[in-house]
Amino acid sequence: MNKKLKTKSWFKKLVVATVLLGVGTSVMTHAQKPMPTIAQVDLAKYLGVWYEIARKPMYYQNQCARNVQAVYTLNVNGNISVENSCVNMDGHLEQAQGEAYVVNAPHNSKLRVSFLPESLRWLPVGRGDYWILKLDANYHTVLVGEPKRKYLWILSREPHLSEDVVQEYIKYAQSLGYNTNDLIRTLQTEKNN
């Protein structure tokens, strides 16, 4: 009888170890898949105003209550000026100035962004990946993410986007391995305060 208990105990441990190994291998395999970006981005068409439609939670945006947008313009040095803004919980406008640069020219689908003060942007820290994962032909809607699949944004040229298009972009993000259960829908109103 003692031998049967040892066998059952050993068998249970083997099953648990196999399941854990399978889950771990699955997670590691998925995490190691490269993140695809679109083939080519025309930066001149990409510049301008983008309204946030949805995003995954991000520490730097916790204070944003509504009217989140980004404005991209070309700097004299060839990099992209980034001006992010939102209205916070108290109704005040919050702004962040940054700079992005392309890391996969001539494809232009992978950028690195820094919001450090301009005098510190030369430091090799404080930069985030900004990868263009899906972009419609008219440069109206874009899915932006990064290779660790922690951050994600759906942006549009208009403050509101049809639910069908939003769902299309969410499904595409899921196909890339993003968990979208925590996606935050952004409130866009007429006023900026």
N, C-alpha and C. Protein backbone atom coordinates (compact mmCIF):
# COMPACT_ATOMS: atom_id res chain seq x y z
N MET A 1 0.83 -1.19 0.00
CA MET A 1 0.00 0.00 0.00
C MET A 1 0.87 1.26 0.00
N ASN A 2 1.93 1.26 0.76
CA ASN A 2 2.85 2.39 0.83
C ASN A 2 3.47 2.64 -0.55
N LYS A 3 3.73 1.55 -1.29
CA LYS A 3 4.30 1.67 -2.62
C LYS A 3 3.31 2.35 -3.58
N LYS A 4 2.00 2.04 -3.43
CA LYS A 4 0.97 2.66 -4.27
C LYS A 4 0.89 4.16 -3.99
N LEU A 5 0.98 4.55 -2.72
CA LEU A 5 0.93 5.97 -2.36
C LEU A 5 2.12 6.72 -2.96
N LYS A 6 3.30 6.08 -2.87
CA LYS A 6 4.49 6.71 -3.44
C LYS A 6 4.36 6.86 -4.95
N THR A 7 3.80 5.84 -5.61
CA THR A 7 3.61 5.89 -7.05
C THR A 7 2.62 6.98 -7.42
N LYS A 8 1.50 7.08 -6.68
CA LYS A 8 0.50 8.13 -6.95
C LYS A 8 1.10 9.51 -6.73
N SER A 9 1.86 9.65 -5.66
CA SER A 9 2.49 10.93 -5.36
C SER A 9 3.49 11.30 -6.44
N TRP A 10 4.27 10.34 -6.85
CA TRP A 10 5.26 10.57 -7.90
C TRP A 10 4.56 10.92 -9.22
N PHE A 11 3.47 10.21 -9.52
CA PHE A 11 2.72 10.45 -10.75
C PHE A 11 2.12 11.86 -10.75
N LYS A 12 1.56 12.29 -9.60
CA LYS A 12 1.00 13.64 -9.50
C LYS A 12 2.08 14.69 -9.73
N LYS A 13 3.24 14.47 -9.13
CA LYS A 13 4.34 15.41 -9.31
C LYS A 13 4.78 15.47 -10.78
N LEU A 14 4.80 14.32 -11.42
CA LEU A 14 5.18 14.26 -12.83
C LEU A 14 4.17 15.02 -13.69
N VAL A 15 2.88 14.84 -13.42
CA VAL A 15 1.84 15.54 -14.17
C VAL A 15 1.96 17.05 -13.97
N VAL A 16 2.11 17.48 -12.73
CA VAL A 16 2.25 18.91 -12.44
C VAL A 16 3.49 19.48 -13.13
N ALA A 17 4.60 18.77 -13.05
CA ALA A 17 5.84 19.24 -13.67
C ALA A 17 5.68 19.33 -15.19
N THR A 18 5.01 18.34 -15.78
CA THR A 18 4.79 18.35 -17.23
C THR A 18 3.92 19.53 -17.64
N VAL A 19 2.85 19.77 -16.89
CA VAL A 19 1.96 20.90 -17.19
C VAL A 19 2.73 22.21 -17.06
N LEU A 20 3.47 22.37 -15.97
CA LEU A 20 4.23 23.61 -15.78
C LEU A 20 5.28 23.79 -16.86
N LEU A 21 5.94 22.72 -17.24
CA LEU A 21 6.93 22.80 -18.31
C LEU A 21 6.28 23.20 -19.62
N GLY A 22 5.11 22.61 -19.90
CA GLY A 22 4.38 22.95 -21.13
C GLY A 22 3.96 24.40 -21.15
N VAL A 23 3.42 24.89 -20.05
CA VAL A 23 3.01 26.29 -19.96
C VAL A 23 4.22 27.20 -20.10
N GLY A 24 5.28 26.88 -19.40
CA GLY A 24 6.49 27.69 -19.46
C GLY A 24 7.08 27.72 -20.86
N THR A 25 7.12 26.58 -21.51
CA THR A 25 7.64 26.51 -22.88
C THR A 25 6.76 27.31 -23.82
N SER A 26 5.44 27.19 -23.65
CA SER A 26 4.51 27.94 -24.49
C SER A 26 4.71 29.44 -24.33
N VAL A 27 4.82 29.89 -23.09
CA VAL A 27 5.02 31.31 -22.82
C VAL A 27 6.36 31.78 -23.39
N MET A 28 7.41 30.99 -23.17
CA MET A 28 8.73 31.38 -23.66
C MET A 28 8.75 31.40 -25.18
N THR A 29 8.12 30.39 -25.82
CA THR A 29 8.10 30.35 -27.27
C THR A 29 7.37 31.56 -27.82
N HIS A 30 6.23 31.89 -27.20
CA HIS A 30 5.47 33.04 -27.67
C HIS A 30 6.24 34.33 -27.44
N ALA A 31 6.87 34.46 -26.31
CA ALA A 31 7.61 35.68 -25.99
C ALA A 31 8.80 35.86 -26.93
N GLN A 32 9.31 34.76 -27.45
CA GLN A 32 10.48 34.85 -28.30
C GLN A 32 10.13 35.11 -29.77
N LYS A 33 8.84 35.04 -30.12
CA LYS A 33 8.46 35.33 -31.49
C LYS A 33 8.75 36.79 -31.79
N PRO A 34 9.38 37.05 -32.92
CA PRO A 34 9.65 38.45 -33.24
C PRO A 34 8.35 39.21 -33.52
N MET A 35 8.35 40.47 -33.16
CA MET A 35 7.18 41.33 -33.38
C MET A 35 7.27 41.90 -34.80
N PRO A 36 6.31 41.57 -35.66
CA PRO A 36 6.36 42.13 -37.01
C PRO A 36 5.87 43.57 -37.05
N THR A 37 6.47 44.35 -37.89
CA THR A 37 6.00 45.72 -38.14
C THR A 37 5.59 45.80 -39.61
N ILE A 38 4.96 46.89 -39.98
CA ILE A 38 4.59 47.02 -41.39
C ILE A 38 5.85 47.22 -42.23
N ALA A 39 5.72 46.96 -43.52
CA ALA A 39 6.90 46.95 -44.39
C ALA A 39 7.50 48.33 -44.59
N GLN A 40 6.66 49.35 -44.73
CA GLN A 40 7.18 50.67 -45.09
C GLN A 40 6.26 51.76 -44.54
N VAL A 41 6.85 52.82 -43.99
CA VAL A 41 6.09 53.98 -43.51
C VAL A 41 6.63 55.22 -44.21
N ASP A 42 5.72 55.98 -44.81
CA ASP A 42 6.06 57.28 -45.39
C ASP A 42 5.94 58.29 -44.26
N LEU A 43 7.07 58.70 -43.70
CA LEU A 43 7.04 59.59 -42.53
C LEU A 43 6.34 60.91 -42.81
N ALA A 44 6.45 61.43 -44.02
CA ALA A 44 5.77 62.69 -44.35
C ALA A 44 4.26 62.54 -44.20
N LYS A 45 3.72 61.39 -44.59
CA LYS A 45 2.28 61.14 -44.43
C LYS A 45 1.92 60.86 -42.97
N TYR A 46 2.85 60.30 -42.22
CA TYR A 46 2.58 59.89 -40.84
C TYR A 46 2.54 61.09 -39.89
N LEU A 47 3.26 62.15 -40.22
CA LEU A 47 3.30 63.33 -39.36
C LEU A 47 1.90 63.93 -39.21
N GLY A 48 1.71 64.69 -38.13
CA GLY A 48 0.44 65.36 -37.91
C GLY A 48 -0.19 64.96 -36.59
N VAL A 49 -1.49 65.18 -36.50
CA VAL A 49 -2.24 64.92 -35.27
C VAL A 49 -2.83 63.52 -35.28
N TRP A 50 -2.66 62.81 -34.15
CA TRP A 50 -3.26 61.49 -33.94
C TRP A 50 -4.01 61.52 -32.61
N TYR A 51 -5.24 61.00 -32.63
CA TYR A 51 -6.05 60.90 -31.43
C TYR A 51 -6.00 59.48 -30.89
N GLU A 52 -5.84 59.36 -29.60
CA GLU A 52 -5.81 58.03 -28.98
C GLU A 52 -7.24 57.50 -28.88
N ILE A 53 -7.43 56.29 -29.38
CA ILE A 53 -8.73 55.61 -29.32
C ILE A 53 -8.73 54.62 -28.16
N ALA A 54 -7.62 53.92 -27.99
CA ALA A 54 -7.50 52.93 -26.91
C ALA A 54 -6.02 52.71 -26.63
N ARG A 55 -5.74 52.18 -25.42
CA ARG A 55 -4.36 51.89 -25.04
C ARG A 55 -4.34 50.84 -23.94
N LYS A 56 -3.20 50.19 -23.81
CA LYS A 56 -2.96 49.37 -22.63
C LYS A 56 -2.49 50.32 -21.52
N PRO A 57 -2.71 49.95 -20.27
CA PRO A 57 -2.29 50.83 -19.17
C PRO A 57 -0.80 51.15 -19.25
N MET A 58 -0.51 52.41 -18.95
CA MET A 58 0.88 52.88 -18.95
C MET A 58 1.03 53.89 -17.84
N TYR A 59 2.06 53.72 -17.04
CA TYR A 59 2.28 54.57 -15.88
C TYR A 59 2.22 56.06 -16.21
N TYR A 60 2.85 56.44 -17.31
CA TYR A 60 2.94 57.86 -17.65
C TYR A 60 1.61 58.46 -18.07
N GLN A 61 0.63 57.61 -18.35
CA GLN A 61 -0.67 58.11 -18.77
C GLN A 61 -1.75 57.91 -17.71
N ASN A 62 -1.37 57.51 -16.52
CA ASN A 62 -2.36 57.27 -15.47
C ASN A 62 -3.19 58.51 -15.15
N GLN A 63 -2.62 59.69 -15.28
CA GLN A 63 -3.33 60.92 -14.94
C GLN A 63 -4.29 61.35 -16.05
N CYS A 64 -4.20 60.75 -17.23
CA CYS A 64 -5.04 61.17 -18.36
C CYS A 64 -6.48 60.68 -18.20
N ALA A 65 -7.42 61.63 -18.24
CA ALA A 65 -8.84 61.29 -18.14
C ALA A 65 -9.52 61.30 -19.50
N ARG A 66 -9.06 62.19 -20.39
CA ARG A 66 -9.73 62.29 -21.70
C ARG A 66 -8.85 63.10 -22.67
N ASN A 67 -9.31 63.12 -23.91
CA ASN A 67 -8.70 63.95 -24.97
C ASN A 67 -7.19 63.73 -25.12
N VAL A 68 -6.81 62.47 -25.21
CA VAL A 68 -5.40 62.14 -25.39
C VAL A 68 -5.07 62.24 -26.88
N GLN A 69 -4.01 62.97 -27.17
CA GLN A 69 -3.58 63.08 -28.57
C GLN A 69 -2.07 63.25 -28.64
N ALA A 70 -1.56 62.98 -29.84
CA ALA A 70 -0.14 63.16 -30.12
C ALA A 70 -0.01 63.97 -31.41
N VAL A 71 0.96 64.86 -31.41
CA VAL A 71 1.25 65.65 -32.61
C VAL A 71 2.71 65.38 -32.98
N TYR A 72 2.91 64.91 -34.21
CA TYR A 72 4.25 64.60 -34.70
C TYR A 72 4.63 65.60 -35.79
N THR A 73 5.79 66.23 -35.63
CA THR A 73 6.31 67.15 -36.64
C THR A 73 7.78 66.84 -36.87
N LEU A 74 8.29 67.26 -38.01
CA LEU A 74 9.68 66.99 -38.36
C LEU A 74 10.59 68.06 -37.76
N ASN A 75 11.63 67.63 -37.07
CA ASN A 75 12.64 68.54 -36.53
C ASN A 75 13.66 68.89 -37.62
N VAL A 76 14.41 69.95 -37.40
CA VAL A 76 15.45 70.34 -38.36
C VAL A 76 16.55 69.29 -38.47
N ASN A 77 16.74 68.49 -37.41
CA ASN A 77 17.77 67.45 -37.43
C ASN A 77 17.29 66.16 -38.10
N GLY A 78 16.04 66.15 -38.60
CA GLY A 78 15.51 64.97 -39.27
C GLY A 78 14.76 64.03 -38.35
N ASN A 79 14.86 64.24 -37.05
CA ASN A 79 14.09 63.43 -36.10
C ASN A 79 12.66 63.97 -36.02
N ILE A 80 11.83 63.28 -35.26
CA ILE A 80 10.43 63.65 -35.14
C ILE A 80 10.16 64.23 -33.76
N SER A 81 9.59 65.42 -33.76
CA SER A 81 9.17 66.05 -32.50
C SER A 81 7.84 65.42 -32.09
N VAL A 82 7.73 65.06 -30.82
CA VAL A 82 6.53 64.42 -30.28
C VAL A 82 5.95 65.33 -29.21
N GLU A 83 4.69 65.69 -29.37
CA GLU A 83 3.99 66.47 -28.34
C GLU A 83 2.73 65.70 -27.95
N ASN A 84 2.79 65.07 -26.80
CA ASN A 84 1.63 64.33 -26.28
C ASN A 84 0.86 65.23 -25.33
N SER A 85 -0.45 65.12 -25.37
CA SER A 85 -1.26 65.91 -24.44
C SER A 85 -2.52 65.14 -24.06
N CYS A 86 -3.06 65.51 -22.90
CA CYS A 86 -4.31 64.94 -22.43
C CYS A 86 -4.90 65.89 -21.39
N VAL A 87 -6.15 65.67 -21.07
CA VAL A 87 -6.78 66.40 -19.98
C VAL A 87 -6.79 65.46 -18.78
N ASN A 88 -6.28 65.95 -17.64
CA ASN A 88 -6.18 65.09 -16.45
C ASN A 88 -7.50 65.04 -15.68
N MET A 89 -7.50 64.31 -14.58
CA MET A 89 -8.70 64.12 -13.76
C MET A 89 -9.26 65.44 -13.21
N ASP A 90 -8.38 66.43 -13.02
CA ASP A 90 -8.80 67.74 -12.50
C ASP A 90 -9.24 68.70 -13.60
N GLY A 91 -9.19 68.24 -14.85
CA GLY A 91 -9.60 69.09 -15.96
C GLY A 91 -8.51 69.97 -16.53
N HIS A 92 -7.27 69.74 -16.10
CA HIS A 92 -6.14 70.55 -16.59
C HIS A 92 -5.42 69.83 -17.73
N LEU A 93 -4.89 70.61 -18.64
CA LEU A 93 -4.15 70.08 -19.77
C LEU A 93 -2.76 69.64 -19.32
N GLU A 94 -2.40 68.40 -19.63
CA GLU A 94 -1.06 67.86 -19.35
C GLU A 94 -0.35 67.71 -20.70
N GLN A 95 0.93 68.06 -20.74
CA GLN A 95 1.69 67.93 -21.97
C GLN A 95 3.06 67.32 -21.71
N ALA A 96 3.55 66.59 -22.69
CA ALA A 96 4.89 66.01 -22.63
C ALA A 96 5.55 66.20 -23.98
N GLN A 97 6.77 66.72 -23.97
CA GLN A 97 7.54 66.95 -25.19
C GLN A 97 8.61 65.87 -25.31
N GLY A 98 8.70 65.29 -26.49
CA GLY A 98 9.72 64.27 -26.70
C GLY A 98 10.25 64.32 -28.11
N GLU A 99 11.10 63.35 -28.40
CA GLU A 99 11.68 63.25 -29.73
C GLU A 99 11.81 61.78 -30.09
N ALA A 100 11.50 61.47 -31.35
CA ALA A 100 11.60 60.10 -31.84
C ALA A 100 12.58 60.07 -33.01
N TYR A 101 13.23 58.92 -33.16
CA TYR A 101 14.10 58.74 -34.32
C TYR A 101 13.93 57.32 -34.84
N VAL A 102 14.09 57.18 -36.13
CA VAL A 102 13.92 55.90 -36.82
C VAL A 102 15.12 55.01 -36.52
N VAL A 103 14.84 53.72 -36.25
CA VAL A 103 15.93 52.77 -36.01
C VAL A 103 16.01 51.69 -37.10
N ASN A 104 15.10 51.73 -38.08
CA ASN A 104 15.17 50.73 -39.15
C ASN A 104 14.97 51.37 -40.53
N ALA A 105 15.65 52.50 -40.77
CA ALA A 105 15.57 53.14 -42.09
C ALA A 105 16.05 52.15 -43.14
N PRO A 106 15.51 52.14 -44.31
CA PRO A 106 14.51 53.04 -44.87
C PRO A 106 13.06 52.60 -44.64
N HIS A 107 12.85 51.55 -43.86
CA HIS A 107 11.47 51.06 -43.65
C HIS A 107 10.65 52.01 -42.78
N ASN A 108 11.30 52.63 -41.80
CA ASN A 108 10.69 53.66 -40.95
C ASN A 108 9.52 53.16 -40.09
N SER A 109 9.49 51.87 -39.80
CA SER A 109 8.39 51.32 -39.00
C SER A 109 8.77 51.09 -37.54
N LYS A 110 10.03 51.28 -37.21
CA LYS A 110 10.50 51.14 -35.83
C LYS A 110 11.17 52.44 -35.41
N LEU A 111 10.64 53.02 -34.35
CA LEU A 111 11.21 54.26 -33.84
C LEU A 111 11.55 54.08 -32.37
N ARG A 112 12.38 54.95 -31.89
CA ARG A 112 12.70 55.01 -30.47
C ARG A 112 12.36 56.42 -30.01
N VAL A 113 11.66 56.52 -28.87
CA VAL A 113 11.16 57.80 -28.38
C VAL A 113 11.76 58.09 -27.01
N SER A 114 12.11 59.36 -26.80
CA SER A 114 12.60 59.80 -25.49
C SER A 114 11.83 61.04 -25.06
N PHE A 115 11.42 61.03 -23.80
CA PHE A 115 10.78 62.21 -23.21
C PHE A 115 11.68 62.86 -22.16
N LEU A 116 12.96 62.49 -22.17
CA LEU A 116 13.92 63.15 -21.30
C LEU A 116 14.05 64.61 -21.74
N PRO A 117 14.48 65.49 -20.84
CA PRO A 117 14.76 66.86 -21.26
C PRO A 117 15.76 66.85 -22.42
N GLU A 118 15.62 67.80 -23.31
CA GLU A 118 16.45 67.83 -24.52
C GLU A 118 17.94 67.72 -24.23
N SER A 119 18.40 68.33 -23.16
CA SER A 119 19.83 68.30 -22.82
C SER A 119 20.31 66.92 -22.38
N LEU A 120 19.38 66.01 -22.07
CA LEU A 120 19.75 64.67 -21.60
C LEU A 120 19.45 63.57 -22.61
N ARG A 121 18.92 63.90 -23.76
CA ARG A 121 18.49 62.87 -24.72
C ARG A 121 19.65 62.10 -25.33
N TRP A 122 20.86 62.57 -25.16
CA TRP A 122 22.02 61.85 -25.67
C TRP A 122 22.33 60.62 -24.82
N LEU A 123 21.80 60.59 -23.59
CA LEU A 123 22.05 59.45 -22.71
C LEU A 123 21.42 58.18 -23.28
N PRO A 124 22.06 57.03 -23.08
CA PRO A 124 21.52 55.78 -23.63
C PRO A 124 20.43 55.17 -22.74
N VAL A 125 19.67 55.98 -22.04
CA VAL A 125 18.59 55.50 -21.18
C VAL A 125 17.34 56.33 -21.46
N GLY A 126 16.22 55.87 -20.94
CA GLY A 126 14.99 56.65 -21.03
C GLY A 126 14.37 56.68 -22.41
N ARG A 127 14.61 55.64 -23.18
CA ARG A 127 14.04 55.56 -24.53
C ARG A 127 13.08 54.39 -24.61
N GLY A 128 12.00 54.59 -25.32
CA GLY A 128 11.02 53.53 -25.50
C GLY A 128 10.83 53.18 -26.96
N ASP A 129 10.50 51.92 -27.20
CA ASP A 129 10.23 51.48 -28.57
C ASP A 129 8.85 51.94 -29.00
N TYR A 130 8.74 52.35 -30.23
CA TYR A 130 7.49 52.79 -30.85
C TYR A 130 7.47 52.11 -32.21
N TRP A 131 6.77 50.97 -32.28
CA TRP A 131 6.76 50.19 -33.50
C TRP A 131 5.39 50.28 -34.15
N ILE A 132 5.38 50.53 -35.43
CA ILE A 132 4.13 50.64 -36.19
C ILE A 132 3.76 49.24 -36.69
N LEU A 133 2.73 48.68 -36.07
CA LEU A 133 2.35 47.29 -36.30
C LEU A 133 1.31 47.13 -37.40
N LYS A 134 0.42 48.09 -37.51
CA LYS A 134 -0.64 48.04 -38.52
C LYS A 134 -1.02 49.48 -38.85
N LEU A 135 -1.14 49.76 -40.14
CA LEU A 135 -1.45 51.12 -40.59
C LEU A 135 -2.25 51.00 -41.88
N ASP A 136 -3.41 51.64 -41.91
CA ASP A 136 -4.21 51.56 -43.13
C ASP A 136 -3.56 52.38 -44.25
N ALA A 137 -3.97 52.11 -45.47
CA ALA A 137 -3.35 52.73 -46.65
C ALA A 137 -3.51 54.25 -46.67
N ASN A 138 -4.55 54.77 -46.04
CA ASN A 138 -4.80 56.21 -46.02
C ASN A 138 -4.15 56.92 -44.85
N TYR A 139 -3.40 56.18 -44.04
CA TYR A 139 -2.75 56.76 -42.85
C TYR A 139 -3.78 57.41 -41.93
N HIS A 140 -4.90 56.70 -41.75
CA HIS A 140 -5.99 57.20 -40.90
C HIS A 140 -6.01 56.51 -39.54
N THR A 141 -5.64 55.23 -39.50
CA THR A 141 -5.68 54.45 -38.27
C THR A 141 -4.38 53.67 -38.14
N VAL A 142 -3.83 53.65 -36.92
CA VAL A 142 -2.56 52.96 -36.71
C VAL A 142 -2.60 52.18 -35.40
N LEU A 143 -1.91 51.05 -35.40
CA LEU A 143 -1.69 50.26 -34.19
C LEU A 143 -0.20 50.38 -33.87
N VAL A 144 0.10 50.89 -32.69
CA VAL A 144 1.49 51.09 -32.27
C VAL A 144 1.76 50.21 -31.06
N GLY A 145 2.90 49.55 -31.05
CA GLY A 145 3.25 48.71 -29.92
C GLY A 145 4.76 48.65 -29.75
N GLU A 146 5.18 47.61 -29.03
CA GLU A 146 6.61 47.40 -28.79
C GLU A 146 6.85 45.91 -28.59
N PRO A 147 8.09 45.45 -28.76
CA PRO A 147 8.36 44.02 -28.84
C PRO A 147 8.05 43.21 -27.59
N LYS A 148 7.99 43.82 -26.42
CA LYS A 148 7.67 43.07 -25.20
C LYS A 148 6.17 42.88 -25.01
N ARG A 149 5.38 43.53 -25.86
CA ARG A 149 3.92 43.43 -25.83
C ARG A 149 3.30 43.95 -24.54
N LYS A 150 3.97 44.89 -23.92
CA LYS A 150 3.45 45.48 -22.68
C LYS A 150 2.61 46.72 -22.97
N TYR A 151 2.99 47.49 -23.98
CA TYR A 151 2.30 48.73 -24.31
C TYR A 151 1.71 48.64 -25.71
N LEU A 152 0.57 49.31 -25.88
CA LEU A 152 -0.15 49.24 -27.15
C LEU A 152 -1.06 50.46 -27.26
N TRP A 153 -1.14 51.02 -28.45
CA TRP A 153 -2.04 52.15 -28.69
C TRP A 153 -2.76 51.95 -30.02
N ILE A 154 -4.02 52.32 -30.05
CA ILE A 154 -4.76 52.47 -31.30
C ILE A 154 -4.99 53.96 -31.45
N LEU A 155 -4.50 54.51 -32.56
CA LEU A 155 -4.59 55.94 -32.82
C LEU A 155 -5.35 56.17 -34.13
N SER A 156 -5.99 57.34 -34.22
CA SER A 156 -6.74 57.69 -35.41
C SER A 156 -6.57 59.18 -35.71
N ARG A 157 -6.78 59.54 -36.96
CA ARG A 157 -6.73 60.95 -37.35
C ARG A 157 -7.95 61.72 -36.85
N GLU A 158 -9.00 61.00 -36.51
CA GLU A 158 -10.23 61.60 -35.99
C GLU A 158 -10.39 61.18 -34.53
N PRO A 159 -11.08 61.98 -33.72
CA PRO A 159 -11.25 61.64 -32.30
C PRO A 159 -12.09 60.39 -32.06
N HIS A 160 -12.89 59.99 -33.05
CA HIS A 160 -13.75 58.82 -32.89
C HIS A 160 -13.55 57.88 -34.07
N LEU A 161 -13.66 56.60 -33.79
CA LEU A 161 -13.42 55.57 -34.79
C LEU A 161 -14.56 54.56 -34.71
N SER A 162 -14.99 54.02 -35.83
CA SER A 162 -16.08 53.04 -35.80
C SER A 162 -15.66 51.82 -34.99
N GLU A 163 -16.63 51.22 -34.33
CA GLU A 163 -16.35 50.05 -33.49
C GLU A 163 -15.81 48.89 -34.33
N ASP A 164 -16.27 48.76 -35.56
CA ASP A 164 -15.77 47.69 -36.43
C ASP A 164 -14.26 47.83 -36.66
N VAL A 165 -13.82 49.04 -36.90
CA VAL A 165 -12.38 49.27 -37.12
C VAL A 165 -11.60 49.04 -35.83
N VAL A 166 -12.14 49.51 -34.71
CA VAL A 166 -11.48 49.29 -33.41
C VAL A 166 -11.31 47.79 -33.18
N GLN A 167 -12.37 47.02 -33.41
CA GLN A 167 -12.30 45.57 -33.21
C GLN A 167 -11.30 44.91 -34.15
N GLU A 168 -11.24 45.39 -35.38
CA GLU A 168 -10.26 44.87 -36.35
C GLU A 168 -8.83 45.04 -35.81
N TYR A 169 -8.54 46.20 -35.26
CA TYR A 169 -7.20 46.48 -34.74
C TYR A 169 -6.93 45.72 -33.44
N ILE A 170 -7.96 45.55 -32.61
CA ILE A 170 -7.79 44.75 -31.39
C ILE A 170 -7.50 43.30 -31.75
N LYS A 171 -8.25 42.76 -32.70
CA LYS A 171 -8.03 41.36 -33.12
C LYS A 171 -6.63 41.18 -33.70
N TYR A 172 -6.18 42.16 -34.45
CA TYR A 172 -4.83 42.07 -35.00
C TYR A 172 -3.79 42.07 -33.87
N ALA A 173 -3.99 42.93 -32.89
CA ALA A 173 -3.08 42.96 -31.73
C ALA A 173 -3.07 41.61 -31.02
N GLN A 174 -4.23 41.01 -30.87
CA GLN A 174 -4.32 39.69 -30.23
C GLN A 174 -3.57 38.65 -31.05
N SER A 175 -3.64 38.75 -32.38
CA SER A 175 -2.93 37.79 -33.23
C SER A 175 -1.41 37.90 -33.08
N LEU A 176 -0.95 39.06 -32.61
CA LEU A 176 0.48 39.27 -32.37
C LEU A 176 0.91 38.83 -30.98
N GLY A 177 -0.06 38.39 -30.17
CA GLY A 177 0.26 37.92 -28.82
C GLY A 177 -0.04 38.91 -27.72
N TYR A 178 -0.70 40.01 -28.04
CA TYR A 178 -1.09 40.98 -27.01
C TYR A 178 -2.29 40.48 -26.23
N ASN A 179 -2.25 40.66 -24.92
CA ASN A 179 -3.42 40.47 -24.07
C ASN A 179 -4.15 41.81 -24.06
N THR A 180 -5.36 41.84 -24.58
CA THR A 180 -6.09 43.10 -24.69
C THR A 180 -7.21 43.21 -23.65
N ASN A 181 -7.22 42.32 -22.68
CA ASN A 181 -8.27 42.37 -21.65
C ASN A 181 -8.23 43.65 -20.83
N ASP A 182 -7.06 44.28 -20.73
CA ASP A 182 -6.93 45.50 -19.93
C ASP A 182 -6.91 46.77 -20.79
N LEU A 183 -7.33 46.65 -22.03
CA LEU A 183 -7.34 47.81 -22.93
C LEU A 183 -8.25 48.90 -22.39
N ILE A 184 -7.76 50.12 -22.38
CA ILE A 184 -8.51 51.28 -21.89
C ILE A 184 -9.02 52.05 -23.10
N ARG A 185 -10.32 52.27 -23.17
CA ARG A 185 -10.90 53.10 -24.23
C ARG A 185 -10.77 54.56 -23.82
N THR A 186 -10.32 55.38 -24.73
CA THR A 186 -10.05 56.79 -24.43
C THR A 186 -11.28 57.64 -24.73
N LEU A 187 -11.65 58.46 -23.78
CA LEU A 187 -12.76 59.39 -23.96
C LEU A 187 -12.24 60.61 -24.71
N GLN A 188 -12.87 60.90 -25.83
CA GLN A 188 -12.53 62.10 -26.61
C GLN A 188 -13.77 62.99 -26.62
N THR A 189 -13.62 64.22 -26.12
CA THR A 189 -14.73 65.17 -26.08
C THR A 189 -14.39 66.36 -26.97
N GLU A 190 -15.34 67.25 -27.11
CA GLU A 190 -15.14 68.43 -27.96
C GLU A 190 -14.14 69.42 -27.37
N LYS A 191 -14.16 69.56 -26.04
CA LYS A 191 -13.32 70.57 -25.39
C LYS A 191 -12.02 69.96 -24.89
N ASN A 192 -10.98 70.75 -24.85
CA ASN A 192 -9.69 70.30 -24.34
C ASN A 192 -9.48 70.69 -22.88
N ASN A 193 -10.53 71.07 -22.18
CA ASN A 193 -10.41 71.35 -20.74
C ASN A 193 -11.74 71.16 -20.07
